[in-house]
Structures are given as C-alpha cells and as structure tokens.
Amino acid sequence: MGHKITGYLLISAGVLLIFFALIGLYKVFVEGGAVMQMVQLADVTVNTQYGTVQLPLKQINPVVNILLFALFMMGIITAGGKLANIGVGLLKSERIHDALLKLTKEQATSKEATKYL
C-alpha cells in the first residue's frame, strides 16, 4: 500500500515539474517574457600581432542567457521525467506483488499463470 501512495506522489511531482518547465519555456519563447540575467559578459579587448581587437560580448548577453535558461528548463524536464519513471516502477512492482499474493501455490509455480503478470 505504501508503494502505491509513493508511486502516485512521485508521478504527480514529476508531472508538476514538467508542466512548470514547459510553462516557463512557453512564457519566454512564445509570449516574449524576460529571462533572469544569469551571465553578464563585458566587452573584451585582445592584443594581437595586428593590433588591438575589441570583441563586443555585451551584444550576445541575451542569446547566452536564453540558451542557459532553455538548458536549465530541459534539465528540470528530465528530472521530472525521471521522478515519474520511478513512480511508475513502484506501481508496477506493487501490481505484481498484489497479483502474486492472489495466486495459490499451484498457480504460482505454473508458467501459464505467471506469464500474464
């Protein structure tokens, strides 16, 4: 009984994490919402043999932040999927356990009865 409750809770938590990440991705990529500034790059000046070259890294700040946000949300989606998968495994093992308890000793030793578990 405890595995069923835990299994359903893990599935629910996994689905909630997946929906949270999908809603966040939808708000940013479809509705055009702003993302948190995770990285702030500054312009860099590089001395080369041909002179000084300035790399304008401030202009790619939004692209880098959006990519990091998407990568973070994909990680949350993956974690939610793993949680739900663990919950499904618990429910499967509980189902097999309950089915084995209902079998008699003769049925439990025959291959015909156990192949449908």
PDB file of N, CA and C in Angstrom:
ATOM      1  N   MET A   1       0.820  -1.194   0.000  1.00  0.00           N
ATOM      2  CA  MET A   1       0.000   0.000   0.000  1.00  0.00           C
ATOM      3  C   MET A   1       0.867   1.262   0.000  1.00  0.00           C
ATOM      4  N   GLY A   2       1.948   1.232   0.758  1.00  0.00           N
ATOM      5  CA  GLY A   2       2.823   2.392   0.829  1.00  0.00           C
ATOM      6  C   GLY A   2       3.507   2.698  -0.491  1.00  0.00           C
ATOM      7  N   HIS A   3       3.797   1.649  -1.275  1.00  0.00           N
ATOM      8  CA  HIS A   3       4.435   1.871  -2.564  1.00  0.00           C
ATOM      9  C   HIS A   3       3.482   2.541  -3.550  1.00  0.00           C
ATOM     10  N   LYS A   4       2.184   2.251  -3.422  1.00  0.00           N
ATOM     11  CA  LYS A   4       1.215   2.890  -4.319  1.00  0.00           C
ATOM     12  C   LYS A   4       1.148   4.386  -4.058  1.00  0.00           C
ATOM     13  N   ILE A   5       1.070   4.761  -2.801  1.00  0.00           N
ATOM     14  CA  ILE A   5       0.990   6.178  -2.461  1.00  0.00           C
ATOM     15  C   ILE A   5       2.261   6.897  -2.890  1.00  0.00           C
ATOM     16  N   THR A   6       3.403   6.292  -2.604  1.00  0.00           N
ATOM     17  CA  THR A   6       4.675   6.894  -3.000  1.00  0.00           C
ATOM     18  C   THR A   6       4.791   6.974  -4.511  1.00  0.00           C
ATOM     19  N   GLY A   7       4.356   5.932  -5.203  1.00  0.00           N
ATOM     20  CA  GLY A   7       4.408   5.931  -6.661  1.00  0.00           C
ATOM     21  C   GLY A   7       3.571   7.037  -7.261  1.00  0.00           C
ATOM     22  N   TYR A   8       2.330   7.182  -6.772  1.00  0.00           N
ATOM     23  CA  TYR A   8       1.475   8.249  -7.289  1.00  0.00           C
ATOM     24  C   TYR A   8       2.007   9.634  -6.932  1.00  0.00           C
ATOM     25  N   LEU A   9       2.596   9.785  -5.760  1.00  0.00           N
ATOM     26  CA  LEU A   9       3.190  11.076  -5.388  1.00  0.00           C
ATOM     27  C   LEU A   9       4.379  11.412  -6.285  1.00  0.00           C
ATOM     28  N   LEU A  10       5.203  10.412  -6.584  1.00  0.00           N
ATOM     29  CA  LEU A  10       6.348  10.661  -7.470  1.00  0.00           C
ATOM     30  C   LEU A  10       5.896  10.995  -8.884  1.00  0.00           C
ATOM     31  N   ILE A  11       4.875  10.299  -9.360  1.00  0.00           N
ATOM     32  CA  ILE A  11       4.353  10.624 -10.693  1.00  0.00           C
ATOM     33  C   ILE A  11       3.796  12.040 -10.712  1.00  0.00           C
ATOM     34  N   SER A  12       3.053  12.411  -9.682  1.00  0.00           N
ATOM     35  CA  SER A  12       2.488  13.764  -9.604  1.00  0.00           C
ATOM     36  C   SER A  12       3.586  14.825  -9.543  1.00  0.00           C
ATOM     37  N   ALA A  13       4.614  14.579  -8.730  1.00  0.00           N
ATOM     38  CA  ALA A  13       5.720  15.547  -8.632  1.00  0.00           C
ATOM     39  C   ALA A  13       6.449  15.673  -9.961  1.00  0.00           C
ATOM     40  N   GLY A  14       6.656  14.552 -10.636  1.00  0.00           N
ATOM     41  CA  GLY A  14       7.326  14.589 -11.934  1.00  0.00           C
ATOM     42  C   GLY A  14       6.528  15.350 -12.970  1.00  0.00           C
ATOM     43  N   VAL A  15       5.218  15.111 -13.017  1.00  0.00           N
ATOM     44  CA  VAL A  15       4.366  15.818 -13.978  1.00  0.00           C
ATOM     45  C   VAL A  15       4.311  17.305 -13.649  1.00  0.00           C
ATOM     46  N   LEU A  16       4.268  17.664 -12.368  1.00  0.00           N
ATOM     47  CA  LEU A  16       4.276  19.084 -11.996  1.00  0.00           C
ATOM     48  C   LEU A  16       5.574  19.770 -12.399  1.00  0.00           C
ATOM     49  N   LEU A  17       6.706  19.084 -12.223  1.00  0.00           N
ATOM     50  CA  LEU A  17       7.981  19.668 -12.663  1.00  0.00           C
ATOM     51  C   LEU A  17       8.002  19.872 -14.173  1.00  0.00           C
ATOM     52  N   ILE A  18       7.494  18.898 -14.905  1.00  0.00           N
ATOM     53  CA  ILE A  18       7.466  19.016 -16.363  1.00  0.00           C
ATOM     54  C   ILE A  18       6.574  20.181 -16.783  1.00  0.00           C
ATOM     55  N   PHE A  19       5.381  20.300 -16.182  1.00  0.00           N
ATOM     56  CA  PHE A  19       4.497  21.414 -16.525  1.00  0.00           C
ATOM     57  C   PHE A  19       5.095  22.761 -16.139  1.00  0.00           C
ATOM     58  N   PHE A  20       5.770  22.835 -14.993  1.00  0.00           N
ATOM     59  CA  PHE A  20       6.430  24.077 -14.583  1.00  0.00           C
ATOM     60  C   PHE A  20       7.452  24.519 -15.626  1.00  0.00           C
ATOM     61  N   ALA A  21       8.261  23.578 -16.072  1.00  0.00           N
ATOM     62  CA  ALA A  21       9.293  23.914 -17.054  1.00  0.00           C
ATOM     63  C   ALA A  21       8.677  24.288 -18.398  1.00  0.00           C
ATOM     64  N   LEU A  22       7.640  23.567 -18.810  1.00  0.00           N
ATOM     65  CA  LEU A  22       7.003  23.888 -20.088  1.00  0.00           C
ATOM     66  C   LEU A  22       6.327  25.244 -20.060  1.00  0.00           C
ATOM     67  N   ILE A  23       5.701  25.588 -18.942  1.00  0.00           N
ATOM     68  CA  ILE A  23       5.080  26.908 -18.835  1.00  0.00           C
ATOM     69  C   ILE A  23       6.147  27.999 -18.864  1.00  0.00           C
ATOM     70  N   GLY A  24       7.263  27.770 -18.182  1.00  0.00           N
ATOM     71  CA  GLY A  24       8.358  28.745 -18.223  1.00  0.00           C
ATOM     72  C   GLY A  24       8.914  28.925 -19.624  1.00  0.00           C
ATOM     73  N   LEU A  25       9.095  27.828 -20.348  1.00  0.00           N
ATOM     74  CA  LEU A  25       9.585  27.917 -21.718  1.00  0.00           C
ATOM     75  C   LEU A  25       8.569  28.617 -22.616  1.00  0.00           C
ATOM     76  N   TYR A  26       7.288  28.332 -22.413  1.00  0.00           N
ATOM     77  CA  TYR A  26       6.240  28.976 -23.214  1.00  0.00           C
ATOM     78  C   TYR A  26       6.233  30.479 -22.986  1.00  0.00           C
ATOM     79  N   LYS A  27       6.339  30.890 -21.710  1.00  0.00           N
ATOM     80  CA  LYS A  27       6.314  32.322 -21.404  1.00  0.00           C
ATOM     81  C   LYS A  27       7.493  33.061 -22.020  1.00  0.00           C
ATOM     82  N   VAL A  28       8.632  32.410 -22.084  1.00  0.00           N
ATOM     83  CA  VAL A  28       9.813  33.087 -22.623  1.00  0.00           C
ATOM     84  C   VAL A  28       9.818  33.071 -24.146  1.00  0.00           C
ATOM     85  N   PHE A  29       9.573  31.911 -24.744  1.00  0.00           N
ATOM     86  CA  PHE A  29       9.754  31.798 -26.187  1.00  0.00           C
ATOM     87  C   PHE A  29       8.519  32.187 -27.001  1.00  0.00           C
ATOM     88  N   VAL A  30       7.319  32.037 -26.453  1.00  0.00           N
ATOM     89  CA  VAL A  30       6.120  32.383 -27.218  1.00  0.00           C
ATOM     90  C   VAL A  30       5.615  33.768 -26.846  1.00  0.00           C
ATOM     91  N   GLU A  31       5.487  34.035 -25.561  1.00  0.00           N
ATOM     92  CA  GLU A  31       4.969  35.327 -25.129  1.00  0.00           C
ATOM     93  C   GLU A  31       6.038  36.415 -25.066  1.00  0.00           C
ATOM     94  N   GLY A  32       7.296  36.042 -25.182  1.00  0.00           N
ATOM     95  CA  GLY A  32       8.370  37.026 -25.186  1.00  0.00           C
ATOM     96  C   GLY A  32       8.726  37.568 -23.818  1.00  0.00           C
ATOM     97  N   GLY A  33       8.553  36.781 -22.794  1.00  0.00           N
ATOM     98  CA  GLY A  33       8.903  37.209 -21.442  1.00  0.00           C
ATOM     99  C   GLY A  33      10.416  37.320 -21.265  1.00  0.00           C
ATOM    100  N   ALA A  34      10.805  38.044 -20.266  1.00  0.00           N
ATOM    101  CA  ALA A  34      12.230  38.244 -20.000  1.00  0.00           C
ATOM    102  C   ALA A  34      12.769  37.084 -19.159  1.00  0.00           C
ATOM    103  N   VAL A  35      14.040  36.791 -19.372  1.00  0.00           N
ATOM    104  CA  VAL A  35      14.707  35.767 -18.570  1.00  0.00           C
ATOM    105  C   VAL A  35      15.620  36.458 -17.567  1.00  0.00           C
ATOM    106  N   MET A  36      15.919  35.747 -16.497  1.00  0.00           N
ATOM    107  CA  MET A  36      16.819  36.281 -15.480  1.00  0.00           C
ATOM    108  C   MET A  36      18.235  36.362 -16.058  1.00  0.00           C
ATOM    109  N   GLN A  37      18.928  37.422 -15.752  1.00  0.00           N
ATOM    110  CA  GLN A  37      20.297  37.598 -16.225  1.00  0.00           C
ATOM    111  C   GLN A  37      21.230  36.699 -15.432  1.00  0.00           C
ATOM    112  N   MET A  38      21.593  35.565 -16.016  1.00  0.00           N
ATOM    113  CA  MET A  38      22.497  34.631 -15.349  1.00  0.00           C
ATOM    114  C   MET A  38      23.955  34.995 -15.613  1.00  0.00           C
ATOM    115  N   VAL A  39      24.193  35.493 -16.805  1.00  0.00           N
ATOM    116  CA  VAL A  39      25.555  35.814 -17.215  1.00  0.00           C
ATOM    117  C   VAL A  39      25.569  37.235 -17.761  1.00  0.00           C
ATOM    118  N   GLN A  40      26.561  38.009 -17.343  1.00  0.00           N
ATOM    119  CA  GLN A  40      26.747  39.345 -17.900  1.00  0.00           C
ATOM    120  C   GLN A  40      28.170  39.425 -18.439  1.00  0.00           C
ATOM    121  N   LEU A  41      28.260  39.370 -19.736  1.00  0.00           N
ATOM    122  CA  LEU A  41      29.569  39.420 -20.377  1.00  0.00           C
ATOM    123  C   LEU A  41      29.948  40.868 -20.662  1.00  0.00           C
ATOM    124  N   ALA A  42      31.203  41.174 -20.501  1.00  0.00           N
ATOM    125  CA  ALA A  42      31.709  42.510 -20.792  1.00  0.00           C
ATOM    126  C   ALA A  42      32.534  42.453 -22.078  1.00  0.00           C
ATOM    127  N   ASP A  43      32.622  43.602 -22.725  1.00  0.00           N
ATOM    128  CA  ASP A  43      33.457  43.666 -23.924  1.00  0.00           C
ATOM    129  C   ASP A  43      34.907  43.360 -23.565  1.00  0.00           C
ATOM    130  N   VAL A  44      35.566  42.646 -24.455  1.00  0.00           N
ATOM    131  CA  VAL A  44      36.943  42.235 -24.207  1.00  0.00           C
ATOM    132  C   VAL A  44      37.838  42.851 -25.276  1.00  0.00           C
ATOM    133  N   THR A  45      38.961  43.355 -24.825  1.00  0.00           N
ATOM    134  CA  THR A  45      39.960  43.881 -25.747  1.00  0.00           C
ATOM    135  C   THR A  45      41.125  42.908 -25.794  1.00  0.00           C
ATOM    136  N   VAL A  46      41.459  42.466 -26.997  1.00  0.00           N
ATOM    137  CA  VAL A  46      42.516  41.473 -27.178  1.00  0.00           C
ATOM    138  C   VAL A  46      43.647  42.120 -27.977  1.00  0.00           C
ATOM    139  N   ASN A  47      44.867  41.983 -27.467  1.00  0.00           N
ATOM    140  CA  ASN A  47      46.029  42.474 -28.195  1.00  0.00           C
ATOM    141  C   ASN A  47      46.560  41.363 -29.090  1.00  0.00           C
ATOM    142  N   THR A  48      46.602  41.619 -30.375  1.00  0.00           N
ATOM    143  CA  THR A  48      47.135  40.652 -31.328  1.00  0.00           C
ATOM    144  C   THR A  48      48.342  41.257 -32.009  1.00  0.00           C
ATOM    145  N   GLN A  49      48.949  40.471 -32.860  1.00  0.00           N
ATOM    146  CA  GLN A  49      50.125  40.989 -33.564  1.00  0.00           C
ATOM    147  C   GLN A  49      49.735  42.030 -34.611  1.00  0.00           C
ATOM    148  N   TYR A  50      48.456  42.090 -34.950  1.00  0.00           N
ATOM    149  CA  TYR A  50      47.991  43.064 -35.931  1.00  0.00           C
ATOM    150  C   TYR A  50      47.385  44.296 -35.284  1.00  0.00           C
ATOM    151  N   GLY A  51      47.374  44.327 -33.982  1.00  0.00           N
ATOM    152  CA  GLY A  51      46.826  45.480 -33.278  1.00  0.00           C
ATOM    153  C   GLY A  51      45.814  45.042 -32.226  1.00  0.00           C
ATOM    154  N   THR A  52      45.111  46.004 -31.717  1.00  0.00           N
ATOM    155  CA  THR A  52      44.121  45.740 -30.675  1.00  0.00           C
ATOM    156  C   THR A  52      42.774  45.446 -31.328  1.00  0.00           C
ATOM    157  N   VAL A  53      42.140  44.358 -30.862  1.00  0.00           N
ATOM    158  CA  VAL A  53      40.828  43.976 -31.376  1.00  0.00           C
ATOM    159  C   VAL A  53      39.851  43.962 -30.205  1.00  0.00           C
ATOM    160  N   GLN A  54      38.709  44.593 -30.390  1.00  0.00           N
ATOM    161  CA  GLN A  54      37.703  44.608 -29.340  1.00  0.00           C
ATOM    162  C   GLN A  54      36.580  43.642 -29.730  1.00  0.00           C
ATOM    163  N   LEU A  55      36.278  42.703 -28.826  1.00  0.00           N
ATOM    164  CA  LEU A  55      35.204  41.732 -29.041  1.00  0.00           C
ATOM    165  C   LEU A  55      33.950  42.218 -28.316  1.00  0.00           C
ATOM    166  N   PRO A  56      32.874  42.496 -29.060  1.00  0.00           N
ATOM    167  CA  PRO A  56      31.647  43.026 -28.434  1.00  0.00           C
ATOM    168  C   PRO A  56      30.788  41.906 -27.824  1.00  0.00           C
ATOM    169  N   LEU A  57      31.150  41.470 -26.626  1.00  0.00           N
ATOM    170  CA  LEU A  57      30.428  40.374 -25.975  1.00  0.00           C
ATOM    171  C   LEU A  57      29.139  40.827 -25.302  1.00  0.00           C
ATOM    172  N   LYS A  58      28.981  42.148 -25.086  1.00  0.00           N
ATOM    173  CA  LYS A  58      27.745  42.642 -24.480  1.00  0.00           C
ATOM    174  C   LYS A  58      26.537  42.386 -25.383  1.00  0.00           C
ATOM    175  N   GLN A  59      26.779  42.304 -26.674  1.00  0.00           N
ATOM    176  CA  GLN A  59      25.672  42.115 -27.613  1.00  0.00           C
ATOM    177  C   GLN A  59      25.136  40.690 -27.607  1.00  0.00           C
ATOM    178  N   ILE A  60      25.928  39.722 -27.156  1.00  0.00           N
ATOM    179  CA  ILE A  60      25.440  38.342 -27.144  1.00  0.00           C
ATOM    180  C   ILE A  60      24.921  37.917 -25.772  1.00  0.00           C
ATOM    181  N   ASN A  61      24.850  38.855 -24.823  1.00  0.00           N
ATOM    182  CA  ASN A  61      24.306  38.551 -23.495  1.00  0.00           C
ATOM    183  C   ASN A  61      22.895  37.953 -23.548  1.00  0.00           C
ATOM    184  N   PRO A  62      21.952  38.556 -24.300  1.00  0.00           N
ATOM    185  CA  PRO A  62      20.601  37.972 -24.322  1.00  0.00           C
ATOM    186  C   PRO A  62      20.572  36.551 -24.891  1.00  0.00           C
ATOM    187  N   VAL A  63      21.366  36.294 -25.900  1.00  0.00           N
ATOM    188  CA  VAL A  63      21.391  34.962 -26.516  1.00  0.00           C
ATOM    189  C   VAL A  63      21.942  33.932 -25.536  1.00  0.00           C
ATOM    190  N   VAL A  64      23.004  34.271 -24.852  1.00  0.00           N
ATOM    191  CA  VAL A  64      23.612  33.351 -23.887  1.00  0.00           C
ATOM    192  C   VAL A  64      22.649  33.082 -22.730  1.00  0.00           C
ATOM    193  N   ASN A  65      21.968  34.117 -22.248  1.00  0.00           N
ATOM    194  CA  ASN A  65      21.027  33.936 -21.139  1.00  0.00           C
ATOM    195  C   ASN A  65      19.827  33.090 -21.548  1.00  0.00           C
ATOM    196  N   ILE A  66      19.319  33.273 -22.758  1.00  0.00           N
ATOM    197  CA  ILE A  66      18.202  32.455 -23.224  1.00  0.00           C
ATOM    198  C   ILE A  66      18.631  31.005 -23.391  1.00  0.00           C
ATOM    199  N   LEU A  67      19.821  30.776 -23.911  1.00  0.00           N
ATOM    200  CA  LEU A  67      20.307  29.406 -24.069  1.00  0.00           C
ATOM    201  C   LEU A  67      20.519  28.726 -22.717  1.00  0.00           C
ATOM    202  N   LEU A  68      21.058  29.444 -21.751  1.00  0.00           N
ATOM    203  CA  LEU A  68      21.223  28.877 -20.411  1.00  0.00           C
ATOM    204  C   LEU A  68      19.880  28.592 -19.746  1.00  0.00           C
ATOM    205  N   PHE A  69      18.920  29.482 -19.952  1.00  0.00           N
ATOM    206  CA  PHE A  69      17.576  29.264 -19.416  1.00  0.00           C
ATOM    207  C   PHE A  69      16.945  28.014 -20.032  1.00  0.00           C
ATOM    208  N   ALA A  70      17.058  27.864 -21.338  1.00  0.00           N
ATOM    209  CA  ALA A  70      16.493  26.687 -22.007  1.00  0.00           C
ATOM    210  C   ALA A  70      17.183  25.409 -21.544  1.00  0.00           C
ATOM    211  N   LEU A  71      18.476  25.459 -21.363  1.00  0.00           N
ATOM    212  CA  LEU A  71      19.214  24.288 -20.878  1.00  0.00           C
ATOM    213  C   LEU A  71      18.781  23.924 -19.449  1.00  0.00           C
ATOM    214  N   PHE A  72      18.591  24.927 -18.613  1.00  0.00           N
ATOM    215  CA  PHE A  72      18.131  24.695 -17.247  1.00  0.00           C
ATOM    216  C   PHE A  72      16.730  24.077 -17.237  1.00  0.00           C
ATOM    217  N   MET A  73      15.841  24.582 -18.071  1.00  0.00           N
ATOM    218  CA  MET A  73      14.480  24.047 -18.133  1.00  0.00           C
ATOM    219  C   MET A  73      14.472  22.622 -18.697  1.00  0.00           C
ATOM    220  N   MET A  74      15.341  22.332 -19.626  1.00  0.00           N
ATOM    221  CA  MET A  74      15.430  20.957 -20.129  1.00  0.00           C
ATOM    222  C   MET A  74      15.925  20.010 -19.025  1.00  0.00           C
ATOM    223  N   GLY A  75      16.797  20.496 -18.177  1.00  0.00           N
ATOM    224  CA  GLY A  75      17.234  19.700 -17.033  1.00  0.00           C
ATOM    225  C   GLY A  75      16.091  19.427 -16.065  1.00  0.00           C
ATOM    226  N   ILE A  76      15.229  20.428 -15.851  1.00  0.00           N
ATOM    227  CA  ILE A  76      14.071  20.237 -14.977  1.00  0.00           C
ATOM    228  C   ILE A  76      13.090  19.248 -15.599  1.00  0.00           C
ATOM    229  N   ILE A  77      12.902  19.325 -16.914  1.00  0.00           N
ATOM    230  CA  ILE A  77      12.021  18.375 -17.598  1.00  0.00           C
ATOM    231  C   ILE A  77      12.565  16.960 -17.467  1.00  0.00           C
ATOM    232  N   THR A  78      13.866  16.800 -17.618  1.00  0.00           N
ATOM    233  CA  THR A  78      14.481  15.481 -17.477  1.00  0.00           C
ATOM    234  C   THR A  78      14.325  14.945 -16.056  1.00  0.00           C
ATOM    235  N   ALA A  79      14.520  15.806 -15.060  1.00  0.00           N
ATOM    236  CA  ALA A  79      14.352  15.379 -13.666  1.00  0.00           C
ATOM    237  C   ALA A  79      12.904  14.980 -13.387  1.00  0.00           C
ATOM    238  N   GLY A  80      11.951  15.728 -13.935  1.00  0.00           N
ATOM    239  CA  GLY A  80      10.545  15.364 -13.770  1.00  0.00           C
ATOM    240  C   GLY A  80      10.218  14.031 -14.422  1.00  0.00           C
ATOM    241  N   GLY A  81      10.792  13.784 -15.583  1.00  0.00           N
ATOM    242  CA  GLY A  81      10.586  12.501 -16.247  1.00  0.00           C
ATOM    243  C   GLY A  81      11.164  11.345 -15.454  1.00  0.00           C
ATOM    244  N   LYS A  82      12.326  11.551 -14.855  1.00  0.00           N
ATOM    245  CA  LYS A  82      12.943  10.500 -14.036  1.00  0.00           C
ATOM    246  C   LYS A  82      12.108  10.219 -12.789  1.00  0.00           C
ATOM    247  N   LEU A  83      11.591  11.276 -12.145  1.00  0.00           N
ATOM    248  CA  LEU A  83      10.735  11.085 -10.974  1.00  0.00           C
ATOM    249  C   LEU A  83       9.479  10.300 -11.334  1.00  0.00           C
ATOM    250  N   ALA A  84       8.853  10.668 -12.444  1.00  0.00           N
ATOM    251  CA  ALA A  84       7.653   9.954 -12.869  1.00  0.00           C
ATOM    252  C   ALA A  84       7.977   8.507 -13.222  1.00  0.00           C
ATOM    253  N   ASN A  85       9.130   8.279 -13.817  1.00  0.00           N
ATOM    254  CA  ASN A  85       9.539   6.920 -14.166  1.00  0.00           C
ATOM    255  C   ASN A  85       9.754   6.066 -12.917  1.00  0.00           C
ATOM    256  N   ILE A  86      10.325   6.637 -11.882  1.00  0.00           N
ATOM    257  CA  ILE A  86      10.498   5.908 -10.617  1.00  0.00           C
ATOM    258  C   ILE A  86       9.128   5.571 -10.026  1.00  0.00           C
ATOM    259  N   GLY A  87       8.189   6.516 -10.100  1.00  0.00           N
ATOM    260  CA  GLY A  87       6.845   6.261  -9.598  1.00  0.00           C
ATOM    261  C   GLY A  87       6.145   5.146 -10.360  1.00  0.00           C
ATOM    262  N   VAL A  88       6.310   5.117 -11.677  1.00  0.00           N
ATOM    263  CA  VAL A  88       5.720   4.045 -12.484  1.00  0.00           C
ATOM    264  C   VAL A  88       6.336   2.705 -12.111  1.00  0.00           C
ATOM    265  N   GLY A  89       7.632   2.679 -11.875  1.00  0.00           N
ATOM    266  CA  GLY A  89       8.286   1.433 -11.460  1.00  0.00           C
ATOM    267  C   GLY A  89       7.752   0.926 -10.129  1.00  0.00           C
ATOM    268  N   LEU A  90       7.505   1.841  -9.195  1.00  0.00           N
ATOM    269  CA  LEU A  90       6.932   1.434  -7.913  1.00  0.00           C
ATOM    270  C   LEU A  90       5.522   0.864  -8.082  1.00  0.00           C
ATOM    271  N   LEU A  91       4.741   1.481  -8.946  1.00  0.00           N
ATOM    272  CA  LEU A  91       3.388   0.988  -9.173  1.00  0.00           C
ATOM    273  C   LEU A  91       3.391  -0.374  -9.858  1.00  0.00           C
ATOM    274  N   LYS A  92       4.334  -0.576 -10.773  1.00  0.00           N
ATOM    275  CA  LYS A  92       4.434  -1.877 -11.440  1.00  0.00           C
ATOM    276  C   LYS A  92       4.808  -2.967 -10.450  1.00  0.00           C
ATOM    277  N   SER A  93       5.780  -2.695  -9.609  1.00  0.00           N
ATOM    278  CA  SER A  93       6.192  -3.713  -8.644  1.00  0.00           C
ATOM    279  C   SER A  93       5.077  -4.006  -7.642  1.00  0.00           C
ATOM    280  N   GLU A  94       4.310  -2.993  -7.267  1.00  0.00           N
ATOM    281  CA  GLU A  94       3.182  -3.205  -6.353  1.00  0.00           C
ATOM    282  C   GLU A  94       2.092  -4.036  -7.016  1.00  0.00           C
ATOM    283  N   ARG A  95       1.859  -3.802  -8.298  1.00  0.00           N
ATOM    284  CA  ARG A  95       0.856  -4.573  -9.029  1.00  0.00           C
ATOM    285  C   ARG A  95       1.266  -6.034  -9.117  1.00  0.00           C
ATOM    286  N   ILE A  96       2.512  -6.294  -9.409  1.00  0.00           N
ATOM    287  CA  ILE A  96       2.999  -7.676  -9.496  1.00  0.00           C
ATOM    288  C   ILE A  96       2.933  -8.341  -8.122  1.00  0.00           C
ATOM    289  N   HIS A  97       3.292  -7.619  -7.083  1.00  0.00           N
ATOM    290  CA  HIS A  97       3.234  -8.156  -5.725  1.00  0.00           C
ATOM    291  C   HIS A  97       1.800  -8.537  -5.351  1.00  0.00           C
ATOM    292  N   ASP A  98       0.838  -7.649  -5.648  1.00  0.00           N
ATOM    293  CA  ASP A  98      -0.562  -7.941  -5.339  1.00  0.00           C
ATOM    294  C   ASP A  98      -1.078  -9.129  -6.140  1.00  0.00           C
ATOM    295  N   ALA A  99      -0.674  -9.221  -7.395  1.00  0.00           N
ATOM    296  CA  ALA A  99      -1.122 -10.342  -8.217  1.00  0.00           C
ATOM    297  C   ALA A  99      -0.534 -11.660  -7.724  1.00  0.00           C
ATOM    298  N   LEU A 100       0.711 -11.646  -7.277  1.00  0.00           N
ATOM    299  CA  LEU A 100       1.315 -12.872  -6.753  1.00  0.00           C
ATOM    300  C   LEU A 100       0.662 -13.318  -5.450  1.00  0.00           C
ATOM    301  N   LEU A 101       0.219 -12.368  -4.644  1.00  0.00           N
ATOM    302  CA  LEU A 101      -0.446 -12.725  -3.387  1.00  0.00           C
ATOM    303  C   LEU A 101      -1.795 -13.408  -3.630  1.00  0.00           C
ATOM    304  N   LYS A 102      -2.445 -13.102  -4.746  1.00  0.00           N
ATOM    305  CA  LYS A 102      -3.750 -13.685  -5.040  1.00  0.00           C
ATOM    306  C   LYS A 102      -3.644 -15.111  -5.587  1.00  0.00           C
ATOM    307  N   LEU A 103      -2.448 -15.509  -6.046  1.00  0.00           N
ATOM    308  CA  LEU A 103      -2.281 -16.834  -6.628  1.00  0.00           C
ATOM    309  C   LEU A 103      -2.124 -17.897  -5.532  1.00  0.00           C
ATOM    310  N   THR A 104      -2.581 -19.072  -5.853  1.00  0.00           N
ATOM    311  CA  THR A 104      -2.337 -20.196  -4.951  1.00  0.00           C
ATOM    312  C   THR A 104      -0.950 -20.742  -5.232  1.00  0.00           C
ATOM    313  N   LYS A 105      -0.511 -21.689  -4.423  1.00  0.00           N
ATOM    314  CA  LYS A 105       0.828 -22.251  -4.583  1.00  0.00           C
ATOM    315  C   LYS A 105       0.966 -22.970  -5.921  1.00  0.00           C
ATOM    316  N   GLU A 106      -0.077 -23.670  -6.344  1.00  0.00           N
ATOM    317  CA  GLU A 106      -0.022 -24.385  -7.626  1.00  0.00           C
ATOM    318  C   GLU A 106       0.020 -23.415  -8.800  1.00  0.00           C
ATOM    319  N   GLN A 107      -0.749 -22.346  -8.692  1.00  0.00           N
ATOM    320  CA  GLN A 107      -0.765 -21.356  -9.768  1.00  0.00           C
ATOM    321  C   GLN A 107       0.559 -20.599  -9.834  1.00  0.00           C
ATOM    322  N   ALA A 108       1.155 -20.328  -8.696  1.00  0.00           N
ATOM    323  CA  ALA A 108       2.402 -19.562  -8.658  1.00  0.00           C
ATOM    324  C   ALA A 108       3.553 -20.325  -9.280  1.00  0.00           C
ATOM    325  N   THR A 109       3.503 -21.649  -9.272  1.00  0.00           N
ATOM    326  CA  THR A 109       4.596 -22.438  -9.843  1.00  0.00           C
ATOM    327  C   THR A 109       4.364 -22.780 -11.308  1.00  0.00           C
ATOM    328  N   SER A 110       3.158 -22.545 -11.840  1.00  0.00           N
ATOM    329  CA  SER A 110       2.916 -22.857 -13.250  1.00  0.00           C
ATOM    330  C   SER A 110       3.271 -21.657 -14.118  1.00  0.00           C
ATOM    331  N   LYS A 111       3.817 -21.946 -15.279  1.00  0.00           N
ATOM    332  CA  LYS A 111       4.245 -20.877 -16.189  1.00  0.00           C
ATOM    333  C   LYS A 111       3.045 -20.195 -16.844  1.00  0.00           C
ATOM    334  N   GLU A 112       1.966 -20.929 -17.027  1.00  0.00           N
ATOM    335  CA  GLU A 112       0.788 -20.352 -17.673  1.00  0.00           C
ATOM    336  C   GLU A 112       0.190 -19.197 -16.854  1.00  0.00           C
ATOM    337  N   ALA A 113       0.116 -19.373 -15.556  1.00  0.00           N
ATOM    338  CA  ALA A 113      -0.491 -18.351 -14.712  1.00  0.00           C
ATOM    339  C   ALA A 113       0.426 -17.141 -14.504  1.00  0.00           C
ATOM    340  N   THR A 114       1.713 -17.367 -14.461  1.00  0.00           N
ATOM    341  CA  THR A 114       2.634 -16.259 -14.167  1.00  0.00           C
ATOM    342  C   THR A 114       3.077 -15.494 -15.412  1.00  0.00           C
ATOM    343  N   LYS A 115       2.816 -15.985 -16.610  1.00  0.00           N
ATOM    344  CA  LYS A 115       3.283 -15.245 -17.783  1.00  0.00           C
ATOM    345  C   LYS A 115       2.443 -14.002 -18.053  1.00  0.00           C
ATOM    346  N   TYR A 116       1.253 -13.908 -17.451  1.00  0.00           N
ATOM    347  CA  TYR A 116       0.410 -12.729 -17.640  1.00  0.00           C
ATOM    348  C   TYR A 116       0.626 -11.669 -16.569  1.00  0.00           C
ATOM    349  N   LEU A 117       1.529 -11.875 -15.660  1.00  0.00           N
ATOM    350  CA  LEU A 117       1.766 -10.891 -14.599  1.00  0.00           C
ATOM    351  C   LEU A 117       2.499  -9.700 -15.106  1.00  0.00           C
TER     352      LEU A 117
END
